[in-house]
Amino acid sequence: MSTALSPIPLPCRPLSIALLEDDAELREQILLPGLRHLGFDVTAMASAAELYLQLPQTSFDILVLDVGLPDQDGFTVTRYLRSASSIGIVMLTGRGGAADRVHGLSMGADAYLAKPVNMDVLAATLHSLGRRLGSGPVATPTPQEKARPGWRLH
């Protein structure tokens, strides 16, 4: 039996995030650049119709969506996607009441966050969900992670 230690491969692929938010300023000025800066591969959309057109073409790990959309509410999108796929779903909405949270989670959301959300909390939620879903490597390593050796016993 060998007890040699060998390096653990570092993650190499960022999570692929579909961002469905109808507020253009929030989507384009805050969420999209913030998530990209934190290492996520993000595709932003403004309506459920855009998402439905994009889904057959792109394999997303997680969907971050608002409840208030111009063409279909986020609860309906969640219910549909949960019945048709295993995509991770994080609802990010201004509707932070307990009844809305329970409804979103009951429809199949994996997490429900109220706006305004701290970007670090959103990123931690996405990483946690990515790990749970087994979406492969979940993030590009930080410089600190690259410098830190990882070992496994085999």
Protein backbone atom coordinates (compact mmCIF):
# COMPACT_ATOMS: atom_id res chain seq x y z
CA MET A 1 0.00 0.00 0.00
CA SER A 2 1.44 3.34 -1.04
CA THR A 3 1.26 6.34 1.24
CA ALA A 4 2.74 8.82 -1.19
CA LEU A 5 1.19 12.24 -1.17
CA SER A 6 0.25 13.84 -4.48
CA PRO A 7 -1.15 17.29 -5.29
CA ILE A 8 -4.90 17.73 -5.58
CA PRO A 9 -5.84 19.33 -8.91
CA LEU A 10 -7.10 22.86 -8.43
CA PRO A 11 -10.51 23.87 -9.78
CA CYS A 12 -10.27 24.99 -13.39
CA ARG A 13 -13.77 25.92 -14.54
CA PRO A 14 -15.91 28.70 -13.10
CA LEU A 15 -19.56 28.08 -12.39
CA SER A 16 -21.79 29.03 -15.29
CA ILE A 17 -24.46 31.41 -14.03
CA ALA A 18 -27.63 32.55 -15.81
CA LEU A 19 -28.62 35.92 -14.34
CA LEU A 20 -32.27 36.80 -14.92
CA GLU A 21 -32.93 40.35 -13.69
CA ASP A 22 -35.19 42.89 -15.39
CA ASP A 23 -33.70 45.96 -13.67
CA ALA A 24 -31.07 46.96 -16.26
CA GLU A 25 -29.03 49.10 -13.87
CA LEU A 26 -28.87 46.43 -11.17
CA ARG A 27 -28.14 43.73 -13.75
CA GLU A 28 -25.52 45.56 -15.86
CA GLN A 29 -23.89 47.86 -13.30
CA ILE A 30 -23.85 45.77 -10.13
CA LEU A 31 -24.62 42.06 -10.42
CA LEU A 32 -23.00 41.20 -13.76
CA PRO A 33 -19.64 42.90 -13.13
CA GLY A 34 -19.65 41.88 -9.47
CA LEU A 35 -20.16 38.19 -10.21
CA ARG A 36 -17.64 38.25 -13.05
CA HIS A 37 -15.10 39.93 -10.76
CA LEU A 38 -15.66 37.10 -8.26
CA GLY A 39 -14.80 34.53 -10.95
CA PHE A 40 -18.18 33.39 -12.25
CA ASP A 41 -19.03 32.88 -15.92
CA VAL A 42 -22.23 34.96 -16.16
CA THR A 43 -24.80 35.38 -18.92
CA ALA A 44 -27.32 38.12 -18.16
CA MET A 45 -30.91 38.26 -19.40
CA ALA A 46 -33.85 40.57 -18.80
CA SER A 47 -36.84 38.27 -19.36
CA ALA A 48 -38.01 34.68 -19.00
CA ALA A 49 -38.35 34.52 -22.80
CA GLU A 50 -34.62 35.30 -23.16
CA LEU A 51 -33.81 32.57 -20.65
CA TYR A 52 -35.97 29.99 -22.43
CA LEU A 53 -34.25 30.81 -25.74
CA GLN A 54 -30.81 30.51 -24.14
CA LEU A 55 -31.36 27.25 -22.21
CA PRO A 56 -31.14 24.83 -25.18
CA GLN A 57 -27.90 26.49 -26.31
CA THR A 58 -26.04 26.90 -23.02
CA SER A 59 -25.45 24.58 -20.10
CA PHE A 60 -25.87 26.67 -16.97
CA ASP A 61 -25.00 25.38 -13.52
CA ILE A 62 -27.15 27.87 -11.62
CA LEU A 63 -29.87 30.41 -12.35
CA VAL A 64 -30.09 33.59 -10.26
CA LEU A 65 -33.47 35.17 -10.83
CA ASP A 66 -35.76 37.91 -9.68
CA VAL A 67 -39.41 37.29 -8.85
CA GLY A 68 -40.74 40.40 -10.62
CA LEU A 69 -40.10 39.88 -14.32
CA PRO A 70 -41.86 41.58 -17.24
CA ASP A 71 -43.20 38.43 -18.91
CA GLN A 72 -43.44 35.70 -16.25
CA ASP A 73 -42.93 35.78 -12.51
CA GLY A 74 -39.90 34.07 -10.98
CA PHE A 75 -42.08 31.57 -9.10
CA THR A 76 -43.46 30.26 -12.40
CA VAL A 77 -39.98 30.12 -13.95
CA THR A 78 -38.76 28.18 -10.90
CA ARG A 79 -41.65 25.71 -11.01
CA TYR A 80 -41.11 25.10 -14.75
CA LEU A 81 -37.33 24.66 -14.48
CA ARG A 82 -37.59 22.40 -11.46
CA SER A 83 -39.91 20.08 -13.40
CA ALA A 84 -37.66 20.10 -16.49
CA SER A 85 -34.06 20.23 -15.23
CA SER A 86 -31.66 19.92 -12.34
CA ILE A 87 -30.28 23.47 -12.63
CA GLY A 88 -29.54 25.17 -9.35
CA ILE A 89 -31.93 28.03 -8.63
CA VAL A 90 -31.24 31.06 -6.43
CA MET A 91 -34.05 33.58 -6.15
CA LEU A 92 -32.76 37.12 -5.61
CA THR A 93 -35.63 39.50 -5.05
CA GLY A 94 -36.95 42.52 -3.22
CA ARG A 95 -39.82 40.38 -1.94
CA GLY A 96 -38.27 39.32 1.33
CA GLY A 97 -41.34 38.41 3.38
CA ALA A 98 -41.62 34.98 4.97
CA ALA A 99 -44.58 33.96 2.77
CA ASP A 100 -42.65 34.80 -0.42
CA ARG A 101 -39.57 32.93 0.83
CA VAL A 102 -41.62 29.85 1.66
CA HIS A 103 -43.40 30.05 -1.70
CA GLY A 104 -40.11 30.33 -3.64
CA LEU A 105 -38.51 27.45 -1.79
CA SER A 106 -41.69 25.39 -2.16
CA MET A 107 -41.65 25.97 -5.93
CA GLY A 108 -38.15 24.47 -6.04
CA ALA A 109 -35.64 27.25 -5.42
CA ASP A 110 -32.47 26.05 -3.71
CA ALA A 111 -31.92 29.40 -2.00
CA TYR A 112 -33.89 32.62 -1.56
CA LEU A 113 -32.02 35.89 -0.96
CA ALA A 114 -33.54 39.31 -0.42
CA LYS A 115 -32.24 42.49 -2.08
CA PRO A 116 -30.09 44.30 -1.42
CA VAL A 117 -27.68 41.40 -1.11
CA ASN A 118 -24.04 41.53 -0.16
CA MET A 119 -22.00 40.23 -3.13
CA ASP A 120 -19.91 38.02 -0.85
CA VAL A 121 -23.09 36.38 0.51
CA LEU A 122 -24.37 35.82 -3.04
CA ALA A 123 -21.01 34.36 -4.11
CA ALA A 124 -20.88 32.08 -1.06
CA THR A 125 -24.42 30.89 -1.80
CA LEU A 126 -23.50 30.14 -5.42
CA HIS A 127 -20.31 28.28 -4.43
CA SER A 128 -22.19 26.27 -1.80
CA LEU A 129 -24.92 25.33 -4.25
CA GLY A 130 -22.35 24.47 -6.91
CA ARG A 131 -20.62 22.09 -4.50
CA ARG A 132 -23.92 20.47 -3.56
CA LEU A 133 -24.92 20.02 -7.18
CA GLY A 134 -21.54 18.50 -8.01
CA SER A 135 -21.10 20.95 -10.87
CA GLY A 136 -17.49 19.95 -11.28
CA PRO A 137 -14.86 22.47 -10.35
CA VAL A 138 -16.66 25.41 -8.88
CA ALA A 139 -14.32 28.34 -9.12
CA THR A 140 -11.15 29.71 -10.53
CA PRO A 141 -8.59 29.51 -7.73
CA THR A 142 -7.56 32.71 -6.04
CA PRO A 143 -3.84 33.60 -5.95
CA GLN A 144 -3.80 32.47 -2.30
CA GLU A 145 -5.30 29.09 -3.29
CA LYS A 146 -2.76 28.69 -6.10
CA ALA A 147 0.08 29.33 -3.66
CA ARG A 148 -1.27 26.86 -1.08
CA PRO A 149 -0.35 23.26 -1.89
CA GLY A 150 -3.16 20.72 -1.71
CA TRP A 151 -2.41 17.08 -0.87
CA ARG A 152 -4.28 13.86 -0.71
CA LEU A 153 -3.31 10.49 0.65
CA HIS A 154 -3.59 7.56 -1.74
